[in-house]
Amino acid sequence: TYYADSVKGRFTISRDNAKNTVSL
């Protein structure tokens, strides 16, 4: 995962390939 400095430590990206979804 990669983050902009402005959101690092506060935002988390994840994905579920079985459900074809990505979340923030």
mmCIF file of all heavy atoms, coordinates in Angstrom:
data_MODEL
# 
_entry.id   MODEL 
# 
loop_
_atom_site.group_PDB 
_atom_site.id 
_atom_site.type_symbol 
_atom_site.label_atom_id 
_atom_site.label_alt_id 
_atom_site.label_comp_id 
_atom_site.label_asym_id 
_atom_site.label_entity_id 
_atom_site.label_seq_id 
_atom_site.pdbx_PDB_ins_code 
_atom_site.Cartn_x 
_atom_site.Cartn_y 
_atom_site.Cartn_z 
_atom_site.occupancy 
_atom_site.B_iso_or_equiv 
_atom_site.pdbx_formal_charge 
_atom_site.auth_seq_id 
_atom_site.auth_comp_id 
_atom_site.auth_asym_id 
_atom_site.auth_atom_id 
_atom_site.pdbx_PDB_model_num 
ATOM 1   N N   . THR A 1 1  ? 0.836   -1.192  0.000  1.00 0.00 ? 1  THR A N   1 
ATOM 2   C CA  . THR A 1 1  ? 0.000   0.000   0.000  1.00 0.00 ? 1  THR A CA  1 
ATOM 3   C C   . THR A 1 1  ? 0.877   1.251   0.000  1.00 0.00 ? 1  THR A C   1 
ATOM 4   O O   . THR A 1 1  ? 2.000   1.229   0.512  1.00 0.00 ? 1  THR A O   1 
ATOM 5   C CB  . THR A 1 1  ? -0.931  0.035   1.225  1.00 0.00 ? 1  THR A CB  1 
ATOM 6   O OG1 . THR A 1 1  ? -0.144  -0.049  2.419  1.00 0.00 ? 1  THR A OG1 1 
ATOM 7   C CG2 . THR A 1 1  ? -1.915  -1.119  1.195  1.00 0.00 ? 1  THR A CG2 1 
ATOM 8   N N   . TYR A 1 2  ? 0.340   2.309   -0.560 1.00 0.00 ? 2  TYR A N   1 
ATOM 9   C CA  . TYR A 1 2  ? 1.058   3.577   -0.650 1.00 0.00 ? 2  TYR A CA  1 
ATOM 10  C C   . TYR A 1 2  ? 0.095   4.709   -0.289 1.00 0.00 ? 2  TYR A C   1 
ATOM 11  O O   . TYR A 1 2  ? -1.095  4.643   -0.611 1.00 0.00 ? 2  TYR A O   1 
ATOM 12  C CB  . TYR A 1 2  ? 1.617   3.778   -2.064 1.00 0.00 ? 2  TYR A CB  1 
ATOM 13  C CG  . TYR A 1 2  ? 2.538   2.674   -2.487 1.00 0.00 ? 2  TYR A CG  1 
ATOM 14  C CD1 . TYR A 1 2  ? 2.045   1.528   -3.092 1.00 0.00 ? 2  TYR A CD1 1 
ATOM 15  C CD2 . TYR A 1 2  ? 3.906   2.757   -2.248 1.00 0.00 ? 2  TYR A CD2 1 
ATOM 16  C CE1 . TYR A 1 2  ? 2.887   0.491   -3.452 1.00 0.00 ? 2  TYR A CE1 1 
ATOM 17  C CE2 . TYR A 1 2  ? 4.760   1.725   -2.621 1.00 0.00 ? 2  TYR A CE2 1 
ATOM 18  C CZ  . TYR A 1 2  ? 4.238   0.604   -3.218 1.00 0.00 ? 2  TYR A CZ  1 
ATOM 19  O OH  . TYR A 1 2  ? 5.085   -0.429  -3.572 1.00 0.00 ? 2  TYR A OH  1 
ATOM 20  N N   . TYR A 1 3  ? 0.626   5.738   0.361  1.00 0.00 ? 3  TYR A N   1 
ATOM 21  C CA  . TYR A 1 3  ? -0.216  6.829   0.828  1.00 0.00 ? 3  TYR A CA  1 
ATOM 22  C C   . TYR A 1 3  ? 0.445   8.180   0.559  1.00 0.00 ? 3  TYR A C   1 
ATOM 23  O O   . TYR A 1 3  ? 1.670   8.312   0.583  1.00 0.00 ? 3  TYR A O   1 
ATOM 24  C CB  . TYR A 1 3  ? -0.455  6.708   2.337  1.00 0.00 ? 3  TYR A CB  1 
ATOM 25  C CG  . TYR A 1 3  ? -1.200  5.461   2.743  1.00 0.00 ? 3  TYR A CG  1 
ATOM 26  C CD1 . TYR A 1 3  ? -0.515  4.305   3.097  1.00 0.00 ? 3  TYR A CD1 1 
ATOM 27  C CD2 . TYR A 1 3  ? -2.593  5.430   2.733  1.00 0.00 ? 3  TYR A CD2 1 
ATOM 28  C CE1 . TYR A 1 3  ? -1.189  3.149   3.452  1.00 0.00 ? 3  TYR A CE1 1 
ATOM 29  C CE2 . TYR A 1 3  ? -3.279  4.270   3.093  1.00 0.00 ? 3  TYR A CE2 1 
ATOM 30  C CZ  . TYR A 1 3  ? -2.570  3.144   3.455  1.00 0.00 ? 3  TYR A CZ  1 
ATOM 31  O OH  . TYR A 1 3  ? -3.251  2.005   3.792  1.00 0.00 ? 3  TYR A OH  1 
ATOM 32  N N   . ALA A 1 4  ? -0.397  9.183   0.331  1.00 0.00 ? 4  ALA A N   1 
ATOM 33  C CA  . ALA A 1 4  ? 0.084   10.556  0.317  1.00 0.00 ? 4  ALA A CA  1 
ATOM 34  C C   . ALA A 1 4  ? 0.528   10.914  1.735  1.00 0.00 ? 4  ALA A C   1 
ATOM 35  O O   . ALA A 1 4  ? -0.048  10.439  2.717  1.00 0.00 ? 4  ALA A O   1 
ATOM 36  C CB  . ALA A 1 4  ? -1.019  11.493  -0.150 1.00 0.00 ? 4  ALA A CB  1 
ATOM 37  N N   . ASP A 1 5  ? 1.533   11.751  1.839  1.00 0.00 ? 5  ASP A N   1 
ATOM 38  C CA  . ASP A 1 5  ? 2.044   12.142  3.154  1.00 0.00 ? 5  ASP A CA  1 
ATOM 39  C C   . ASP A 1 5  ? 0.945   12.758  4.017  1.00 0.00 ? 5  ASP A C   1 
ATOM 40  O O   . ASP A 1 5  ? 0.939   12.595  5.242  1.00 0.00 ? 5  ASP A O   1 
ATOM 41  C CB  . ASP A 1 5  ? 3.198   13.126  2.998  1.00 0.00 ? 5  ASP A CB  1 
ATOM 42  C CG  . ASP A 1 5  ? 4.461   12.471  2.482  1.00 0.00 ? 5  ASP A CG  1 
ATOM 43  O OD1 . ASP A 1 5  ? 4.565   11.222  2.549  1.00 0.00 ? 5  ASP A OD1 1 
ATOM 44  O OD2 . ASP A 1 5  ? 5.346   13.204  2.003  1.00 0.00 ? 5  ASP A OD2 1 
ATOM 45  N N   . SER A 1 6  ? 0.011   13.448  3.386  1.00 0.00 ? 6  SER A N   1 
ATOM 46  C CA  . SER A 1 6  ? -1.024  14.163  4.128  1.00 0.00 ? 6  SER A CA  1 
ATOM 47  C C   . SER A 1 6  ? -2.012  13.242  4.831  1.00 0.00 ? 6  SER A C   1 
ATOM 48  O O   . SER A 1 6  ? -2.720  13.676  5.745  1.00 0.00 ? 6  SER A O   1 
ATOM 49  C CB  . SER A 1 6  ? -1.777  15.109  3.193  1.00 0.00 ? 6  SER A CB  1 
ATOM 50  O OG  . SER A 1 6  ? -2.366  14.381  2.130  1.00 0.00 ? 6  SER A OG  1 
ATOM 51  N N   . VAL A 1 7  ? -2.077  11.974  4.415  1.00 0.00 ? 7  VAL A N   1 
ATOM 52  C CA  . VAL A 1 7  ? -3.046  11.049  5.019  1.00 0.00 ? 7  VAL A CA  1 
ATOM 53  C C   . VAL A 1 7  ? -2.380  9.869   5.706  1.00 0.00 ? 7  VAL A C   1 
ATOM 54  O O   . VAL A 1 7  ? -3.056  9.068   6.358  1.00 0.00 ? 7  VAL A O   1 
ATOM 55  C CB  . VAL A 1 7  ? -4.048  10.522  3.967  1.00 0.00 ? 7  VAL A CB  1 
ATOM 56  C CG1 . VAL A 1 7  ? -4.703  11.670  3.217  1.00 0.00 ? 7  VAL A CG1 1 
ATOM 57  C CG2 . VAL A 1 7  ? -3.384  9.552   2.997  1.00 0.00 ? 7  VAL A CG2 1 
ATOM 58  N N   . LYS A 1 8  ? -1.082  9.768   5.586  1.00 0.00 ? 8  LYS A N   1 
ATOM 59  C CA  . LYS A 1 8  ? -0.350  8.643   6.170  1.00 0.00 ? 8  LYS A CA  1 
ATOM 60  C C   . LYS A 1 8  ? -0.591  8.566   7.670  1.00 0.00 ? 8  LYS A C   1 
ATOM 61  O O   . LYS A 1 8  ? -0.505  9.575   8.374  1.00 0.00 ? 8  LYS A O   1 
ATOM 62  C CB  . LYS A 1 8  ? 1.134   8.794   5.854  1.00 0.00 ? 8  LYS A CB  1 
ATOM 63  C CG  . LYS A 1 8  ? 1.924   7.507   5.858  1.00 0.00 ? 8  LYS A CG  1 
ATOM 64  C CD  . LYS A 1 8  ? 3.324   7.744   5.315  1.00 0.00 ? 8  LYS A CD  1 
ATOM 65  C CE  . LYS A 1 8  ? 3.302   8.078   3.838  1.00 0.00 ? 8  LYS A CE  1 
ATOM 66  N NZ  . LYS A 1 8  ? 4.670   8.218   3.278  1.00 0.00 ? 8  LYS A NZ  1 
ATOM 67  N N   . GLY A 1 9  ? -0.914  7.375   8.158  1.00 0.00 ? 9  GLY A N   1 
ATOM 68  C CA  . GLY A 1 9  ? -1.179  7.189   9.573  1.00 0.00 ? 9  GLY A CA  1 
ATOM 69  C C   . GLY A 1 9  ? -2.626  7.418   9.967  1.00 0.00 ? 9  GLY A C   1 
ATOM 70  O O   . GLY A 1 9  ? -3.037  7.068   11.078 1.00 0.00 ? 9  GLY A O   1 
ATOM 71  N N   . ARG A 1 10 ? -3.416  8.002   9.066  1.00 0.00 ? 10 ARG A N   1 
ATOM 72  C CA  . ARG A 1 10 ? -4.829  8.269   9.367  1.00 0.00 ? 10 ARG A CA  1 
ATOM 73  C C   . ARG A 1 10 ? -5.769  7.468   8.463  1.00 0.00 ? 10 ARG A C   1 
ATOM 74  O O   . ARG A 1 10 ? -6.861  7.086   8.884  1.00 0.00 ? 10 ARG A O   1 
ATOM 75  C CB  . ARG A 1 10 ? -5.133  9.756   9.186  1.00 0.00 ? 10 ARG A CB  1 
ATOM 76  C CG  . ARG A 1 10 ? -4.317  10.657  10.094 1.00 0.00 ? 10 ARG A CG  1 
ATOM 77  C CD  . ARG A 1 10 ? -4.778  12.119  9.996  1.00 0.00 ? 10 ARG A CD  1 
ATOM 78  N NE  . ARG A 1 10 ? -4.605  12.677  8.659  1.00 0.00 ? 10 ARG A NE  1 
ATOM 79  C CZ  . ARG A 1 10 ? -5.604  13.163  7.921  1.00 0.00 ? 10 ARG A CZ  1 
ATOM 80  N NH1 . ARG A 1 10 ? -6.831  13.155  8.389  1.00 0.00 ? 10 ARG A NH1 1 
ATOM 81  N NH2 . ARG A 1 10 ? -5.354  13.658  6.719  1.00 0.00 ? 10 ARG A NH2 1 
ATOM 82  N N   . PHE A 1 11 ? -5.344  7.231   7.218  1.00 0.00 ? 11 PHE A N   1 
ATOM 83  C CA  . PHE A 1 11 ? -6.179  6.519   6.248  1.00 0.00 ? 11 PHE A CA  1 
ATOM 84  C C   . PHE A 1 11 ? -5.604  5.125   6.011  1.00 0.00 ? 11 PHE A C   1 
ATOM 85  O O   . PHE A 1 11 ? -4.384  4.924   6.058  1.00 0.00 ? 11 PHE A O   1 
ATOM 86  C CB  . PHE A 1 11 ? -6.213  7.260   4.915  1.00 0.00 ? 11 PHE A CB  1 
ATOM 87  C CG  . PHE A 1 11 ? -6.973  8.557   4.914  1.00 0.00 ? 11 PHE A CG  1 
ATOM 88  C CD1 . PHE A 1 11 ? -7.392  9.168   6.093  1.00 0.00 ? 11 PHE A CD1 1 
ATOM 89  C CD2 . PHE A 1 11 ? -7.284  9.177   3.715  1.00 0.00 ? 11 PHE A CD2 1 
ATOM 90  C CE1 . PHE A 1 11 ? -8.089  10.357  6.079  1.00 0.00 ? 11 PHE A CE1 1 
ATOM 91  C CE2 . PHE A 1 11 ? -7.990  10.378  3.676  1.00 0.00 ? 11 PHE A CE2 1 
ATOM 92  C CZ  . PHE A 1 11 ? -8.377  10.968  4.863  1.00 0.00 ? 11 PHE A CZ  1 
ATOM 93  N N   . THR A 1 12 ? -6.484  4.176   5.723  1.00 0.00 ? 12 THR A N   1 
ATOM 94  C CA  . THR A 1 12 ? -6.064  2.816   5.406  1.00 0.00 ? 12 THR A CA  1 
ATOM 95  C C   . THR A 1 12 ? -6.832  2.318   4.196  1.00 0.00 ? 12 THR A C   1 
ATOM 96  O O   . THR A 1 12 ? -8.063  2.326   4.187  1.00 0.00 ? 12 THR A O   1 
ATOM 97  C CB  . THR A 1 12 ? -6.311  1.867   6.577  1.00 0.00 ? 12 THR A CB  1 
ATOM 98  O OG1 . THR A 1 12 ? -5.614  2.335   7.741  1.00 0.00 ? 12 THR A OG1 1 
ATOM 99  C CG2 . THR A 1 12 ? -5.816  0.456   6.236  1.00 0.00 ? 12 THR A CG2 1 
ATOM 100 N N   . ILE A 1 13 ? -6.107  1.892   3.173  1.00 0.00 ? 13 ILE A N   1 
ATOM 101 C CA  . ILE A 1 13 ? -6.734  1.320   1.979  1.00 0.00 ? 13 ILE A CA  1 
ATOM 102 C C   . ILE A 1 13 ? -6.673  -0.203  2.087  1.00 0.00 ? 13 ILE A C   1 
ATOM 103 O O   . ILE A 1 13 ? -5.688  -0.770  2.580  1.00 0.00 ? 13 ILE A O   1 
ATOM 104 C CB  . ILE A 1 13 ? -6.029  1.821   0.695  1.00 0.00 ? 13 ILE A CB  1 
ATOM 105 C CG1 . ILE A 1 13 ? -6.795  1.365   -0.547 1.00 0.00 ? 13 ILE A CG1 1 
ATOM 106 C CG2 . ILE A 1 13 ? -4.568  1.378   0.648  1.00 0.00 ? 13 ILE A CG2 1 
ATOM 107 C CD1 . ILE A 1 13 ? -6.276  1.993   -1.843 1.00 0.00 ? 13 ILE A CD1 1 
ATOM 108 N N   . SER A 1 14 ? -7.741  -0.849  1.622  1.00 0.00 ? 14 SER A N   1 
ATOM 109 C CA  . SER A 1 14 ? -7.786  -2.309  1.632  1.00 0.00 ? 14 SER A CA  1 
ATOM 110 C C   . SER A 1 14 ? -8.607  -2.783  0.439  1.00 0.00 ? 14 SER A C   1 
ATOM 111 O O   . SER A 1 14 ? -9.313  -1.990  -0.179 1.00 0.00 ? 14 SER A O   1 
ATOM 112 C CB  . SER A 1 14 ? -8.390  -2.825  2.936  1.00 0.00 ? 14 SER A CB  1 
ATOM 113 O OG  . SER A 1 14 ? -9.714  -2.344  3.104  1.00 0.00 ? 14 SER A OG  1 
ATOM 114 N N   . ARG A 1 15 ? -8.510  -4.067  0.134  1.00 0.00 ? 15 ARG A N   1 
ATOM 115 C CA  . ARG A 1 15 ? -9.280  -4.604  -0.992 1.00 0.00 ? 15 ARG A CA  1 
ATOM 116 C C   . ARG A 1 15 ? -9.712  -6.021  -0.669 1.00 0.00 ? 15 ARG A C   1 
ATOM 117 O O   . ARG A 1 15 ? -9.069  -6.739  0.122  1.00 0.00 ? 15 ARG A O   1 
ATOM 118 C CB  . ARG A 1 15 ? -8.461  -4.564  -2.285 1.00 0.00 ? 15 ARG A CB  1 
ATOM 119 C CG  . ARG A 1 15 ? -7.272  -5.485  -2.325 1.00 0.00 ? 15 ARG A CG  1 
ATOM 120 C CD  . ARG A 1 15 ? -6.437  -5.231  -3.589 1.00 0.00 ? 15 ARG A CD  1 
ATOM 121 N NE  . ARG A 1 15 ? -7.163  -5.536  -4.814 1.00 0.00 ? 15 ARG A NE  1 
ATOM 122 C CZ  . ARG A 1 15 ? -6.815  -5.076  -6.025 1.00 0.00 ? 15 ARG A CZ  1 
ATOM 123 N NH1 . ARG A 1 15 ? -5.750  -4.285  -6.156 1.00 0.00 ? 15 ARG A NH1 1 
ATOM 124 N NH2 . ARG A 1 15 ? -7.524  -5.411  -7.088 1.00 0.00 ? 15 ARG A NH2 1 
ATOM 125 N N   . ASP A 1 16 ? -10.802 -6.413  -1.311 1.00 0.00 ? 16 ASP A N   1 
ATOM 126 C CA  . ASP A 1 16 ? -11.324 -7.772  -1.214 1.00 0.00 ? 16 ASP A CA  1 
ATOM 127 C C   . ASP A 1 16 ? -11.512 -8.272  -2.635 1.00 0.00 ? 16 ASP A C   1 
ATOM 128 O O   . ASP A 1 16 ? -12.491 -7.919  -3.300 1.00 0.00 ? 16 ASP A O   1 
ATOM 129 C CB  . ASP A 1 16 ? -12.648 -7.781  -0.446 1.00 0.00 ? 16 ASP A CB  1 
ATOM 130 C CG  . ASP A 1 16 ? -13.165 -9.182  -0.189 1.00 0.00 ? 16 ASP A CG  1 
ATOM 131 O OD1 . ASP A 1 16 ? -12.829 -10.105 -0.954 1.00 0.00 ? 16 ASP A OD1 1 
ATOM 132 O OD2 . ASP A 1 16 ? -13.941 -9.366  0.761  1.00 0.00 ? 16 ASP A OD2 1 
ATOM 133 N N   . ASN A 1 17 ? -10.569 -9.071  -3.115 1.00 0.00 ? 17 ASN A N   1 
ATOM 134 C CA  . ASN A 1 17 ? -10.624 -9.523  -4.507 1.00 0.00 ? 17 ASN A CA  1 
ATOM 135 C C   . ASN A 1 17 ? -11.781 -10.490 -4.761 1.00 0.00 ? 17 ASN A C   1 
ATOM 136 O O   . ASN A 1 17 ? -12.257 -10.623 -5.881 1.00 0.00 ? 17 ASN A O   1 
ATOM 137 C CB  . ASN A 1 17 ? -9.299  -10.166 -4.902 1.00 0.00 ? 17 ASN A CB  1 
ATOM 138 C CG  . ASN A 1 17 ? -8.207  -9.133  -5.109 1.00 0.00 ? 17 ASN A CG  1 
ATOM 139 O OD1 . ASN A 1 17 ? -8.481  -7.943  -5.287 1.00 0.00 ? 17 ASN A OD1 1 
ATOM 140 N ND2 . ASN A 1 17 ? -6.959  -9.569  -5.065 1.00 0.00 ? 17 ASN A ND2 1 
ATOM 141 N N   . ALA A 1 18 ? -12.253 -11.149 -3.739 1.00 0.00 ? 18 ALA A N   1 
ATOM 142 C CA  . ALA A 1 18 ? -13.392 -12.054 -3.903 1.00 0.00 ? 18 ALA A CA  1 
ATOM 143 C C   . ALA A 1 18 ? -14.679 -11.279 -4.137 1.00 0.00 ? 18 ALA A C   1 
ATOM 144 O O   . ALA A 1 18 ? -15.606 -11.775 -4.787 1.00 0.00 ? 18 ALA A O   1 
ATOM 145 C CB  . ALA A 1 18 ? -13.529 -12.944 -2.679 1.00 0.00 ? 18 ALA A CB  1 
ATOM 146 N N   . LYS A 1 19 ? -14.740 -10.061 -3.605 1.00 0.00 ? 19 LYS A N   1 
ATOM 147 C CA  . LYS A 1 19 ? -15.946 -9.242  -3.746 1.00 0.00 ? 19 LYS A CA  1 
ATOM 148 C C   . LYS A 1 19 ? -15.773 -8.087  -4.726 1.00 0.00 ? 19 LYS A C   1 
ATOM 149 O O   . LYS A 1 19 ? -16.697 -7.299  -4.915 1.00 0.00 ? 19 LYS A O   1 
ATOM 150 C CB  . LYS A 1 19 ? -16.343 -8.689  -2.378 1.00 0.00 ? 19 LYS A CB  1 
ATOM 151 C CG  . LYS A 1 19 ? -16.737 -9.759  -1.360 1.00 0.00 ? 19 LYS A CG  1 
ATOM 152 C CD  . LYS A 1 19 ? -17.158 -9.139  -0.048 1.00 0.00 ? 19 LYS A CD  1 
ATOM 153 C CE  . LYS A 1 19 ? -17.583 -10.204 0.949  1.00 0.00 ? 19 LYS A CE  1 
ATOM 154 N NZ  . LYS A 1 19 ? -17.997 -9.604  2.257  1.00 0.00 ? 19 LYS A NZ  1 
ATOM 155 N N   . ASN A 1 20 ? -14.595 -7.980  -5.340 1.00 0.00 ? 20 ASN A N   1 
ATOM 156 C CA  . ASN A 1 20 ? -14.317 -6.883  -6.284 1.00 0.00 ? 20 ASN A CA  1 
ATOM 157 C C   . ASN A 1 20 ? -14.538 -5.514  -5.643 1.00 0.00 ? 20 ASN A C   1 
ATOM 158 O O   . ASN A 1 20 ? -15.181 -4.628  -6.224 1.00 0.00 ? 20 ASN A O   1 
ATOM 159 C CB  . ASN A 1 20 ? -15.184 -6.999  -7.544 1.00 0.00 ? 20 ASN A CB  1 
ATOM 160 C CG  . ASN A 1 20 ? -14.625 -7.999  -8.541 1.00 0.00 ? 20 ASN A CG  1 
ATOM 161 O OD1 . ASN A 1 20 ? -13.790 -8.832  -8.180 1.00 0.00 ? 20 ASN A OD1 1 
ATOM 162 N ND2 . ASN A 1 20 ? -15.089 -7.948  -9.762 1.00 0.00 ? 20 ASN A ND2 1 
ATOM 163 N N   . THR A 1 21 ? -14.047 -5.348  -4.429 1.00 0.00 ? 21 THR A N   1 
ATOM 164 C CA  . THR A 1 21 ? -14.211 -4.063  -3.750 1.00 0.00 ? 21 THR A CA  1 
ATOM 165 C C   . THR A 1 21 ? -12.877 -3.552  -3.213 1.00 0.00 ? 21 THR A C   1 
ATOM 166 O O   . THR A 1 21 ? -11.972 -4.332  -2.869 1.00 0.00 ? 21 THR A O   1 
ATOM 167 C CB  . THR A 1 21 ? -15.196 -4.160  -2.581 1.00 0.00 ? 21 THR A CB  1 
ATOM 168 O OG1 . THR A 1 21 ? -14.725 -5.145  -1.654 1.00 0.00 ? 21 THR A OG1 1 
ATOM 169 C CG2 . THR A 1 21 ? -16.582 -4.536  -3.053 1.00 0.00 ? 21 THR A CG2 1 
ATOM 170 N N   . VAL A 1 22 ? -12.774 -2.240  -3.147 1.00 0.00 ? 22 VAL A N   1 
ATOM 171 C CA  . VAL A 1 22 ? -11.643 -1.582  -2.517 1.00 0.00 ? 22 VAL A CA  1 
ATOM 172 C C   . VAL A 1 22 ? -12.215 -0.524  -1.572 1.00 0.00 ? 22 VAL A C   1 
ATOM 173 O O   . VAL A 1 22 ? -13.221 0.114   -1.893 1.00 0.00 ? 22 VAL A O   1 
ATOM 174 C CB  . VAL A 1 22 ? -10.689 -0.965  -3.554 1.00 0.00 ? 22 VAL A CB  1 
ATOM 175 C CG1 . VAL A 1 22 ? -11.385 0.056   -4.416 1.00 0.00 ? 22 VAL A CG1 1 
ATOM 176 C CG2 . VAL A 1 22 ? -9.465  -0.368  -2.884 1.00 0.00 ? 22 VAL A CG2 1 
ATOM 177 N N   . SER A 1 23 ? -11.628 -0.394  -0.406 1.00 0.00 ? 23 SER A N   1 
ATOM 178 C CA  . SER A 1 23 ? -12.156 0.503   0.613  1.00 0.00 ? 23 SER A CA  1 
ATOM 179 C C   . SER A 1 23 ? -11.095 1.474   1.102  1.00 0.00 ? 23 SER A C   1 
ATOM 180 O O   . SER A 1 23 ? -9.887  1.221   0.969  1.00 0.00 ? 23 SER A O   1 
ATOM 181 C CB  . SER A 1 23 ? -12.681 -0.312  1.797  1.00 0.00 ? 23 SER A CB  1 
ATOM 182 O OG  . SER A 1 23 ? -13.733 -1.164  1.399  1.00 0.00 ? 23 SER A OG  1 
ATOM 183 N N   . LEU A 1 24 ? -11.568 2.566   1.668  1.00 0.00 ? 24 LEU A N   1 
ATOM 184 C CA  . LEU A 1 24 ? -10.684 3.559   2.266  1.00 0.00 ? 24 LEU A CA  1 
ATOM 185 C C   . LEU A 1 24 ? -11.254 3.929   3.635  1.00 0.00 ? 24 LEU A C   1 
ATOM 186 O O   . LEU A 1 24 ? -12.301 4.565   3.710  1.00 0.00 ? 24 LEU A O   1 
ATOM 187 C CB  . LEU A 1 24 ? -10.572 4.799   1.385  1.00 0.00 ? 24 LEU A CB  1 
ATOM 188 C CG  . LEU A 1 24 ? -9.566  5.850   1.850  1.00 0.00 ? 24 LEU A CG  1 
ATOM 189 C CD1 . LEU A 1 24 ? -8.141  5.317   1.707  1.00 0.00 ? 24 LEU A CD1 1 
ATOM 190 C CD2 . LEU A 1 24 ? -9.727  7.141   1.056  1.00 0.00 ? 24 LEU A CD2 1 
# 
